[in-house]
């Protein structure tokens, strides 16, 4: 598998883009099972297959040339082509509304064809396809997104930071609202816009994300993971983890791969 990763520097880009990645390989498995990872991504599909079948929750999609996927609360199963080639961009959640004219929450638990949303994205796809390497694609994308450069208000920057922070799961709604200097109601509106979840649900989601990080990168017992992630008990931890992933923490632990949140298996076509 050939993979690349880049984090843009400077406020002009960092205020819009969290990171850029690329993966190109001939999969040894038929299906990629991706559990919710708490990010908003735009993905450009350069694979040999024009449309790739994917099951998100109970909905079957055909992943097109370029699409956006918001915060997922259910896993997505992708039927892998013989040759997979994805170029992806993780965007700052609050930047989505400026770029796409819709809040990021509108793309939660869905994959939306950007060519249908705005035909200019098909033009961008062709510009990216003309580049022979990852660096060239990064340059093209950053040149394109530069026109959307913006300066965040301090409160908005704090919200963006909180949404993607690896911690914060231990806070109450009041503690978060005090930290970002919004009232609980204002904070909830911002988080619903960005994720499709209210503040209480998102705090539970952050506990889950923190647990995934610990299960994947440490050798802690699942009891310790539950405790450090802020779950009240082991039963609550298992129930919440399975609600988001369709797997128990133990099942994920036994089947985890090099890439956090991504599992691979052979199965029938979707």
C-alpha atoms as a PDB file:
ATOM      1  CA  UNK A   1       0.000   0.000   0.000  1.00  0.00           C
ATOM      2  CA  UNK A   2       1.306   3.447  -0.971  1.00  0.00           C
ATOM      3  CA  UNK A   3       0.090   6.172   1.383  1.00  0.00           C
ATOM      4  CA  UNK A   4       0.885   9.842   1.931  1.00  0.00           C
ATOM      5  CA  UNK A   5      -0.067  12.362   4.591  1.00  0.00           C
ATOM      6  CA  UNK A   6       0.338  16.135   4.839  1.00  0.00           C
ATOM      7  CA  UNK A   7      -0.661  18.806   7.377  1.00  0.00           C
ATOM      8  CA  UNK A   8      -0.898  22.318   5.860  1.00  0.00           C
ATOM      9  CA  UNK A   9       0.974  25.075   7.668  1.00  0.00           C
ATOM     10  CA  UNK A  10       0.025  28.683   8.184  1.00  0.00           C
ATOM     11  CA  UNK A  11      -3.313  30.143   9.326  1.00  0.00           C
ATOM     12  CA  UNK A  12      -4.558  30.665   5.768  1.00  0.00           C
ATOM     13  CA  UNK A  13      -4.732  26.923   5.191  1.00  0.00           C
ATOM     14  CA  UNK A  14      -4.849  25.575   8.755  1.00  0.00           C
ATOM     15  CA  UNK A  15      -8.124  27.424   9.341  1.00  0.00           C
ATOM     16  CA  UNK A  16      -9.671  25.414   6.512  1.00  0.00           C
ATOM     17  CA  UNK A  17      -7.802  22.111   6.270  1.00  0.00           C
ATOM     18  CA  UNK A  18      -6.914  19.705   9.054  1.00  0.00           C
ATOM     19  CA  UNK A  19      -4.905  17.283   6.901  1.00  0.00           C
ATOM     20  CA  UNK A  20      -4.558  15.787   3.414  1.00  0.00           C
ATOM     21  CA  UNK A  21      -3.984  12.129   2.633  1.00  0.00           C
ATOM     22  CA  UNK A  22      -3.691   9.712  -0.259  1.00  0.00           C
ATOM     23  CA  UNK A  23      -3.868   5.930  -0.519  1.00  0.00           C
ATOM     24  CA  UNK A  24      -3.171   3.820  -3.599  1.00  0.00           C
ATOM     25  CA  UNK A  25      -3.063   0.024  -3.577  1.00  0.00           C
ATOM     26  CA  UNK A  26      -4.402  -3.235  -4.938  1.00  0.00           C
ATOM     27  CA  UNK A  27      -6.498  -4.497  -2.002  1.00  0.00           C
ATOM     28  CA  UNK A  28      -6.053  -8.074  -0.854  1.00  0.00           C
ATOM     29  CA  UNK A  29      -9.571  -8.055   0.612  1.00  0.00           C
ATOM     30  CA  UNK A  30     -13.007  -7.440  -0.836  1.00  0.00           C
ATOM     31  CA  UNK A  31     -14.386  -5.090   1.805  1.00  0.00           C
ATOM     32  CA  UNK A  32     -13.093  -2.247   3.947  1.00  0.00           C
ATOM     33  CA  UNK A  33     -15.065  -1.713   7.173  1.00  0.00           C
ATOM     34  CA  UNK A  34     -14.583   1.808   8.531  1.00  0.00           C
ATOM     35  CA  UNK A  35     -15.900   2.695  11.963  1.00  0.00           C
ATOM     36  CA  UNK A  36     -16.905   6.307  12.779  1.00  0.00           C
ATOM     37  CA  UNK A  37     -13.798   8.470  13.172  1.00  0.00           C
ATOM     38  CA  UNK A  38     -15.160  11.939  13.919  1.00  0.00           C
ATOM     39  CA  UNK A  39     -14.106  13.959  10.884  1.00  0.00           C
ATOM     40  CA  UNK A  40     -15.478  15.714   7.807  1.00  0.00           C
ATOM     41  CA  UNK A  41     -13.758  14.502   4.646  1.00  0.00           C
ATOM     42  CA  UNK A  42     -13.829  15.361   0.964  1.00  0.00           C
ATOM     43  CA  UNK A  43     -12.615  12.383  -1.066  1.00  0.00           C
ATOM     44  CA  UNK A  44     -11.581  12.300  -4.716  1.00  0.00           C
ATOM     45  CA  UNK A  45     -11.881   8.855  -6.240  1.00  0.00           C
ATOM     46  CA  UNK A  46      -9.283   8.018  -8.895  1.00  0.00           C
ATOM     47  CA  UNK A  47      -9.818   4.254  -8.676  1.00  0.00           C
ATOM     48  CA  UNK A  48     -10.349   2.157 -11.784  1.00  0.00           C
ATOM     49  CA  UNK A  49     -14.020   1.719 -10.857  1.00  0.00           C
ATOM     50  CA  UNK A  50     -16.167   4.688 -11.870  1.00  0.00           C
ATOM     51  CA  UNK A  51     -18.471   4.151  -8.884  1.00  0.00           C
ATOM     52  CA  UNK A  52     -17.689   2.079  -5.790  1.00  0.00           C
ATOM     53  CA  UNK A  53     -20.541   0.473  -3.797  1.00  0.00           C
ATOM     54  CA  UNK A  54     -20.625   1.409  -0.111  1.00  0.00           C
ATOM     55  CA  UNK A  55     -23.059   0.624   2.694  1.00  0.00           C
ATOM     56  CA  UNK A  56     -23.435   3.395   5.297  1.00  0.00           C
ATOM     57  CA  UNK A  57     -25.870   2.391   7.997  1.00  0.00           C
ATOM     58  CA  UNK A  58     -28.793   0.926   6.040  1.00  0.00           C
ATOM     59  CA  UNK A  59     -28.213   2.993   2.901  1.00  0.00           C
ATOM     60  CA  UNK A  60     -26.299   1.811  -0.165  1.00  0.00           C
ATOM     61  CA  UNK A  61     -24.314   4.466  -2.029  1.00  0.00           C
ATOM     62  CA  UNK A  62     -22.182   4.385  -5.160  1.00  0.00           C
ATOM     63  CA  UNK A  63     -19.126   6.447  -4.305  1.00  0.00           C
ATOM     64  CA  UNK A  64     -18.622   8.830  -7.257  1.00  0.00           C
ATOM     65  CA  UNK A  65     -15.584  10.776  -8.512  1.00  0.00           C
ATOM     66  CA  UNK A  66     -15.733  13.227  -5.626  1.00  0.00           C
ATOM     67  CA  UNK A  67     -17.866  13.185  -2.511  1.00  0.00           C
ATOM     68  CA  UNK A  68     -18.139  14.563   1.014  1.00  0.00           C
ATOM     69  CA  UNK A  69     -18.758  12.546   4.158  1.00  0.00           C
ATOM     70  CA  UNK A  70     -19.509  14.220   7.499  1.00  0.00           C
ATOM     71  CA  UNK A  71     -19.419  12.924  11.063  1.00  0.00           C
ATOM     72  CA  UNK A  72     -20.572   9.313  10.960  1.00  0.00           C
ATOM     73  CA  UNK A  73     -22.287   7.619  13.892  1.00  0.00           C
ATOM     74  CA  UNK A  74     -22.499   4.272  12.080  1.00  0.00           C
ATOM     75  CA  UNK A  75     -19.845   2.264  10.205  1.00  0.00           C
ATOM     76  CA  UNK A  76     -19.373   2.323   6.456  1.00  0.00           C
ATOM     77  CA  UNK A  77     -18.553  -0.773   4.400  1.00  0.00           C
ATOM     78  CA  UNK A  78     -16.800  -0.133   1.096  1.00  0.00           C
ATOM     79  CA  UNK A  79     -16.638  -2.770  -1.621  1.00  0.00           C
ATOM     80  CA  UNK A  80     -13.041  -2.373  -2.723  1.00  0.00           C
ATOM     81  CA  UNK A  81     -12.126  -2.204  -6.420  1.00  0.00           C
ATOM     82  CA  UNK A  82      -9.204  -4.125  -7.851  1.00  0.00           C
ATOM     83  CA  UNK A  83      -7.147  -0.932  -7.721  1.00  0.00           C
ATOM     84  CA  UNK A  84      -8.055   1.676  -5.106  1.00  0.00           C
ATOM     85  CA  UNK A  85      -6.833   5.267  -5.414  1.00  0.00           C
ATOM     86  CA  UNK A  86      -8.291   7.872  -3.048  1.00  0.00           C
ATOM     87  CA  UNK A  87      -7.105  11.436  -2.407  1.00  0.00           C
ATOM     88  CA  UNK A  88      -8.763  12.859   0.692  1.00  0.00           C
ATOM     89  CA  UNK A  89      -8.957  16.110   2.620  1.00  0.00           C
ATOM     90  CA  UNK A  90     -10.075  16.424   6.243  1.00  0.00           C
ATOM     91  CA  UNK A  91     -11.625  19.873   6.590  1.00  0.00           C
ATOM     92  CA  UNK A  92     -12.219  22.042   9.637  1.00  0.00           C
ATOM     93  CA  UNK A  93     -15.890  21.457  10.558  1.00  0.00           C
ATOM     94  CA  UNK A  94     -16.949  25.103  10.775  1.00  0.00           C
ATOM     95  CA  UNK A  95     -15.325  25.856   7.398  1.00  0.00           C
ATOM     96  CA  UNK A  96     -17.756  23.565   5.580  1.00  0.00           C
ATOM     97  CA  UNK A  97     -20.589  26.091   5.560  1.00  0.00           C
ATOM     98  CA  UNK A  98     -18.439  28.720   3.851  1.00  0.00           C
ATOM     99  CA  UNK A  99     -17.142  26.315   1.210  1.00  0.00           C
ATOM    100  CA  UNK A 100     -20.239  24.243   0.464  1.00  0.00           C
ATOM    101  CA  UNK A 101     -23.053  26.628   1.532  1.00  0.00           C
ATOM    102  CA  UNK A 102     -24.342  23.907   3.859  1.00  0.00           C
ATOM    103  CA  UNK A 103     -23.259  23.151   7.444  1.00  0.00           C
ATOM    104  CA  UNK A 104     -21.149  20.049   7.995  1.00  0.00           C
ATOM    105  CA  UNK A 105     -24.000  18.493   9.967  1.00  0.00           C
ATOM    106  CA  UNK A 106     -25.958  18.229   6.703  1.00  0.00           C
ATOM    107  CA  UNK A 107     -23.424  15.644   5.516  1.00  0.00           C
ATOM    108  CA  UNK A 108     -23.456  13.496   8.679  1.00  0.00           C
ATOM    109  CA  UNK A 109     -24.046   9.769   8.089  1.00  0.00           C
ATOM    110  CA  UNK A 110     -24.140  10.312   4.318  1.00  0.00           C
ATOM    111  CA  UNK A 111     -21.881  10.442   1.277  1.00  0.00           C
ATOM    112  CA  UNK A 112     -22.904  13.310  -1.006  1.00  0.00           C
ATOM    113  CA  UNK A 113     -21.826  13.562  -4.645  1.00  0.00           C
ATOM    114  CA  UNK A 114     -20.057  16.919  -4.928  1.00  0.00           C
ATOM    115  CA  UNK A 115     -20.519  16.928  -8.684  1.00  0.00           C
ATOM    116  CA  UNK A 116     -24.265  17.193  -8.095  1.00  0.00           C
ATOM    117  CA  UNK A 117     -23.827  19.832  -5.409  1.00  0.00           C
ATOM    118  CA  UNK A 118     -21.574  22.037  -7.533  1.00  0.00           C
ATOM    119  CA  UNK A 119     -20.213  21.138 -10.991  1.00  0.00           C
ATOM    120  CA  UNK A 120     -16.993  23.056 -10.279  1.00  0.00           C
ATOM    121  CA  UNK A 121     -15.869  20.081  -8.171  1.00  0.00           C
ATOM    122  CA  UNK A 122     -15.757  17.924 -11.296  1.00  0.00           C
ATOM    123  CA  UNK A 123     -13.378  20.464 -12.813  1.00  0.00           C
ATOM    124  CA  UNK A 124     -11.255  20.239  -9.656  1.00  0.00           C
ATOM    125  CA  UNK A 125     -11.286  16.431  -9.947  1.00  0.00           C
ATOM    126  CA  UNK A 126      -9.837  16.662 -13.471  1.00  0.00           C
ATOM    127  CA  UNK A 127      -7.179  19.149 -12.347  1.00  0.00           C
ATOM    128  CA  UNK A 128      -6.132  16.772  -9.574  1.00  0.00           C
ATOM    129  CA  UNK A 129      -6.182  13.768 -11.930  1.00  0.00           C
ATOM    130  CA  UNK A 130      -3.653  15.506 -14.198  1.00  0.00           C
ATOM    131  CA  UNK A 131      -1.064  15.524 -11.409  1.00  0.00           C
ATOM    132  CA  UNK A 132       1.360  12.620 -11.344  1.00  0.00           C
ATOM    133  CA  UNK A 133       2.195  12.701  -7.638  1.00  0.00           C
ATOM    134  CA  UNK A 134       0.811  13.496  -4.208  1.00  0.00           C
ATOM    135  CA  UNK A 135       2.686  16.774  -3.906  1.00  0.00           C
ATOM    136  CA  UNK A 136       1.189  18.036  -7.149  1.00  0.00           C
ATOM    137  CA  UNK A 137      -2.321  17.171  -6.002  1.00  0.00           C
ATOM    138  CA  UNK A 138      -1.733  18.940  -2.681  1.00  0.00           C
ATOM    139  CA  UNK A 139      -0.589  22.080  -4.503  1.00  0.00           C
ATOM    140  CA  UNK A 140      -3.636  22.054  -6.795  1.00  0.00           C
ATOM    141  CA  UNK A 141      -6.059  21.588  -3.906  1.00  0.00           C
ATOM    142  CA  UNK A 142      -4.480  24.252  -1.708  1.00  0.00           C
ATOM    143  CA  UNK A 143      -4.491  26.696  -4.626  1.00  0.00           C
ATOM    144  CA  UNK A 144      -8.188  25.996  -5.132  1.00  0.00           C
ATOM    145  CA  UNK A 145      -9.197  26.318  -1.479  1.00  0.00           C
ATOM    146  CA  UNK A 146      -7.104  29.461  -0.912  1.00  0.00           C
ATOM    147  CA  UNK A 147      -9.972  31.605  -2.229  1.00  0.00           C
ATOM    148  CA  UNK A 148     -12.021  30.514   0.789  1.00  0.00           C
ATOM    149  CA  UNK A 149      -9.424  31.736   3.296  1.00  0.00           C
ATOM    150  CA  UNK A 150     -11.006  33.116   6.427  1.00  0.00           C
ATOM    151  CA  UNK A 151     -10.150  34.315   9.895  1.00  0.00           C
ATOM    152  CA  UNK A 152     -11.989  32.672  12.736  1.00  0.00           C
ATOM    153  CA  UNK A 153     -13.415  34.527  15.670  1.00  0.00           C
ATOM    154  CA  UNK A 154     -11.609  33.266  18.805  1.00  0.00           C
ATOM    155  CA  UNK A 155     -14.733  31.406  19.964  1.00  0.00           C
ATOM    156  CA  UNK A 156     -15.120  29.650  16.603  1.00  0.00           C
ATOM    157  CA  UNK A 157     -11.476  28.585  16.655  1.00  0.00           C
ATOM    158  CA  UNK A 158     -11.979  27.116  20.119  1.00  0.00           C
ATOM    159  CA  UNK A 159     -15.014  25.160  18.867  1.00  0.00           C
ATOM    160  CA  UNK A 160     -13.049  23.825  15.871  1.00  0.00           C
ATOM    161  CA  UNK A 161     -10.213  22.796  18.185  1.00  0.00           C
ATOM    162  CA  UNK A 162     -12.625  21.079  20.581  1.00  0.00           C
ATOM    163  CA  UNK A 163     -14.357  19.112  17.822  1.00  0.00           C
ATOM    164  CA  UNK A 164     -11.127  17.438  16.678  1.00  0.00           C
ATOM    165  CA  UNK A 165      -9.233  17.331  19.989  1.00  0.00           C
ATOM    166  CA  UNK A 166      -8.247  13.873  21.236  1.00  0.00           C
ATOM    167  CA  UNK A 167      -9.462  14.859  24.712  1.00  0.00           C
ATOM    168  CA  UNK A 168     -12.416  16.884  25.967  1.00  0.00           C
ATOM    169  CA  UNK A 169     -14.495  13.780  26.561  1.00  0.00           C
ATOM    170  CA  UNK A 170     -14.206  14.339  30.303  1.00  0.00           C
ATOM    171  CA  UNK A 171     -15.975  17.731  30.281  1.00  0.00           C
ATOM    172  CA  UNK A 172     -19.582  18.537  31.090  1.00  0.00           C
ATOM    173  CA  UNK A 173     -21.717  20.684  28.793  1.00  0.00           C
ATOM    174  CA  UNK A 174     -21.224  23.653  31.128  1.00  0.00           C
ATOM    175  CA  UNK A 175     -17.444  23.181  31.219  1.00  0.00           C
ATOM    176  CA  UNK A 176     -17.269  23.102  27.419  1.00  0.00           C
ATOM    177  CA  UNK A 177     -19.517  26.165  27.047  1.00  0.00           C
ATOM    178  CA  UNK A 178     -17.422  28.059  29.607  1.00  0.00           C
ATOM    179  CA  UNK A 179     -14.232  27.062  27.778  1.00  0.00           C
ATOM    180  CA  UNK A 180     -15.413  28.320  24.377  1.00  0.00           C
ATOM    181  CA  UNK A 181     -17.268  31.335  25.827  1.00  0.00           C
ATOM    182  CA  UNK A 182     -20.672  30.396  24.394  1.00  0.00           C
ATOM    183  CA  UNK A 183     -23.885  29.813  26.276  1.00  0.00           C
ATOM    184  CA  UNK A 184     -24.947  26.126  26.322  1.00  0.00           C
ATOM    185  CA  UNK A 185     -27.640  26.947  23.749  1.00  0.00           C
ATOM    186  CA  UNK A 186     -25.203  28.753  21.420  1.00  0.00           C
ATOM    187  CA  UNK A 187     -22.711  25.911  21.782  1.00  0.00           C
ATOM    188  CA  UNK A 188     -25.356  23.317  20.951  1.00  0.00           C
ATOM    189  CA  UNK A 189     -26.288  25.177  17.749  1.00  0.00           C
ATOM    190  CA  UNK A 190     -22.634  25.250  16.686  1.00  0.00           C
ATOM    191  CA  UNK A 191     -22.123  21.553  17.396  1.00  0.00           C
ATOM    192  CA  UNK A 192     -25.348  20.489  15.688  1.00  0.00           C
ATOM    193  CA  UNK A 193     -24.314  22.535  12.631  1.00  0.00           C
ATOM    194  CA  UNK A 194     -20.904  20.866  12.582  1.00  0.00           C
ATOM    195  CA  UNK A 195     -21.735  17.283  13.509  1.00  0.00           C
ATOM    196  CA  UNK A 196     -25.484  16.684  13.392  1.00  0.00           C
ATOM    197  CA  UNK A 197     -25.369  15.867  17.115  1.00  0.00           C
ATOM    198  CA  UNK A 198     -26.317  17.978  20.113  1.00  0.00           C
ATOM    199  CA  UNK A 199     -23.703  18.719  22.770  1.00  0.00           C
ATOM    200  CA  UNK A 200     -24.658  15.861  25.097  1.00  0.00           C
ATOM    201  CA  UNK A 201     -24.575  13.299  22.296  1.00  0.00           C
ATOM    202  CA  UNK A 202     -21.314  14.669  20.966  1.00  0.00           C
ATOM    203  CA  UNK A 203     -19.657  14.373  24.382  1.00  0.00           C
ATOM    204  CA  UNK A 204     -20.626  10.678  24.417  1.00  0.00           C
ATOM    205  CA  UNK A 205     -19.248  10.421  20.874  1.00  0.00           C
ATOM    206  CA  UNK A 206     -15.951  11.918  22.066  1.00  0.00           C
ATOM    207  CA  UNK A 207     -15.766   9.289  24.795  1.00  0.00           C
ATOM    208  CA  UNK A 208     -16.136   6.649  22.099  1.00  0.00           C
ATOM    209  CA  UNK A 209     -13.446   8.278  19.920  1.00  0.00           C
ATOM    210  CA  UNK A 210     -11.074   8.456  22.883  1.00  0.00           C
ATOM    211  CA  UNK A 211     -11.709   4.780  23.584  1.00  0.00           C
ATOM    212  CA  UNK A 212     -10.944   3.834  19.973  1.00  0.00           C
ATOM    213  CA  UNK A 213      -7.644   5.696  20.241  1.00  0.00           C
ATOM    214  CA  UNK A 214      -6.688   3.832  23.421  1.00  0.00           C
ATOM    215  CA  UNK A 215      -7.768   0.409  22.140  1.00  0.00           C
ATOM    216  CA  UNK A 216      -5.847   0.928  18.917  1.00  0.00           C
ATOM    217  CA  UNK A 217      -2.599   2.423  20.214  1.00  0.00           C
ATOM    218  CA  UNK A 218      -2.167   0.996  23.728  1.00  0.00           C
ATOM    219  CA  UNK A 219      -2.138  -2.354  25.514  1.00  0.00           C
ATOM    220  CA  UNK A 220      -4.496  -1.161  28.248  1.00  0.00           C
ATOM    221  CA  UNK A 221      -7.172  -3.544  29.426  1.00  0.00           C
ATOM    222  CA  UNK A 222     -10.667  -2.765  28.188  1.00  0.00           C
ATOM    223  CA  UNK A 223     -11.651  -1.993  31.776  1.00  0.00           C
ATOM    224  CA  UNK A 224      -8.932   0.671  31.924  1.00  0.00           C
ATOM    225  CA  UNK A 225      -9.969   2.017  28.511  1.00  0.00           C
ATOM    226  CA  UNK A 226     -13.560   2.391  29.704  1.00  0.00           C
ATOM    227  CA  UNK A 227     -12.430   4.199  32.867  1.00  0.00           C
ATOM    228  CA  UNK A 228      -9.978   6.531  31.115  1.00  0.00           C
ATOM    229  CA  UNK A 229     -12.556   7.369  28.441  1.00  0.00           C
ATOM    230  CA  UNK A 230     -15.116   8.469  31.018  1.00  0.00           C
ATOM    231  CA  UNK A 231     -17.672   5.669  30.773  1.00  0.00           C
ATOM    232  CA  UNK A 232     -19.602   4.985  33.964  1.00  0.00           C
ATOM    233  CA  UNK A 233     -19.041   1.227  33.764  1.00  0.00           C
ATOM    234  CA  UNK A 234     -17.942  -1.563  31.430  1.00  0.00           C
ATOM    235  CA  UNK A 235     -21.483  -2.309  30.310  1.00  0.00           C
ATOM    236  CA  UNK A 236     -22.078   1.297  29.232  1.00  0.00           C
ATOM    237  CA  UNK A 237     -18.750   1.274  27.385  1.00  0.00           C
ATOM    238  CA  UNK A 238     -19.521  -1.910  25.439  1.00  0.00           C
ATOM    239  CA  UNK A 239     -23.070  -0.800  24.618  1.00  0.00           C
ATOM    240  CA  UNK A 240     -21.946   2.635  23.363  1.00  0.00           C
ATOM    241  CA  UNK A 241     -18.992   1.269  21.372  1.00  0.00           C
ATOM    242  CA  UNK A 242     -21.185  -1.303  19.650  1.00  0.00           C
ATOM    243  CA  UNK A 243     -23.884   1.269  18.885  1.00  0.00           C
ATOM    244  CA  UNK A 244     -21.353   3.288  16.853  1.00  0.00           C
ATOM    245  CA  UNK A 245     -19.366   0.464  15.284  1.00  0.00           C
ATOM    246  CA  UNK A 246     -21.467  -2.697  15.222  1.00  0.00           C
ATOM    247  CA  UNK A 247     -18.566  -4.324  17.097  1.00  0.00           C
ATOM    248  CA  UNK A 248     -17.681  -4.871  20.725  1.00  0.00           C
ATOM    249  CA  UNK A 249     -14.400  -3.271  21.888  1.00  0.00           C
ATOM    250  CA  UNK A 250     -12.931  -6.765  22.113  1.00  0.00           C
ATOM    251  CA  UNK A 251     -13.874  -7.555  18.510  1.00  0.00           C
ATOM    252  CA  UNK A 252     -12.224  -4.355  17.317  1.00  0.00           C
ATOM    253  CA  UNK A 253      -9.138  -5.051  19.426  1.00  0.00           C
ATOM    254  CA  UNK A 254      -8.732  -8.545  17.955  1.00  0.00           C
ATOM    255  CA  UNK A 255      -9.182  -7.435  14.350  1.00  0.00           C
ATOM    256  CA  UNK A 256      -7.506  -4.003  14.289  1.00  0.00           C
ATOM    257  CA  UNK A 257      -5.087  -3.216  11.473  1.00  0.00           C
ATOM    258  CA  UNK A 258      -2.274  -0.715  11.003  1.00  0.00           C
ATOM    259  CA  UNK A 259      -4.803   1.993  10.117  1.00  0.00           C
ATOM    260  CA  UNK A 260      -6.942   3.116  13.048  1.00  0.00           C
ATOM    261  CA  UNK A 261     -10.630   2.549  12.492  1.00  0.00           C
ATOM    262  CA  UNK A 262     -10.191   0.510   9.302  1.00  0.00           C
ATOM    263  CA  UNK A 263     -10.839  -3.234   9.179  1.00  0.00           C
ATOM    264  CA  UNK A 264     -10.616  -5.487   6.133  1.00  0.00           C
ATOM    265  CA  UNK A 265     -12.458  -8.681   5.327  1.00  0.00           C
ATOM    266  CA  UNK A 266     -13.757 -10.848   2.505  1.00  0.00           C
ATOM    267  CA  UNK A 267     -17.516 -10.868   2.086  1.00  0.00           C
ATOM    268  CA  UNK A 268     -20.237 -10.930  -0.536  1.00  0.00           C
ATOM    269  CA  UNK A 269     -20.878  -7.892  -2.672  1.00  0.00           C
ATOM    270  CA  UNK A 270     -23.160  -5.210  -1.238  1.00  0.00           C
END
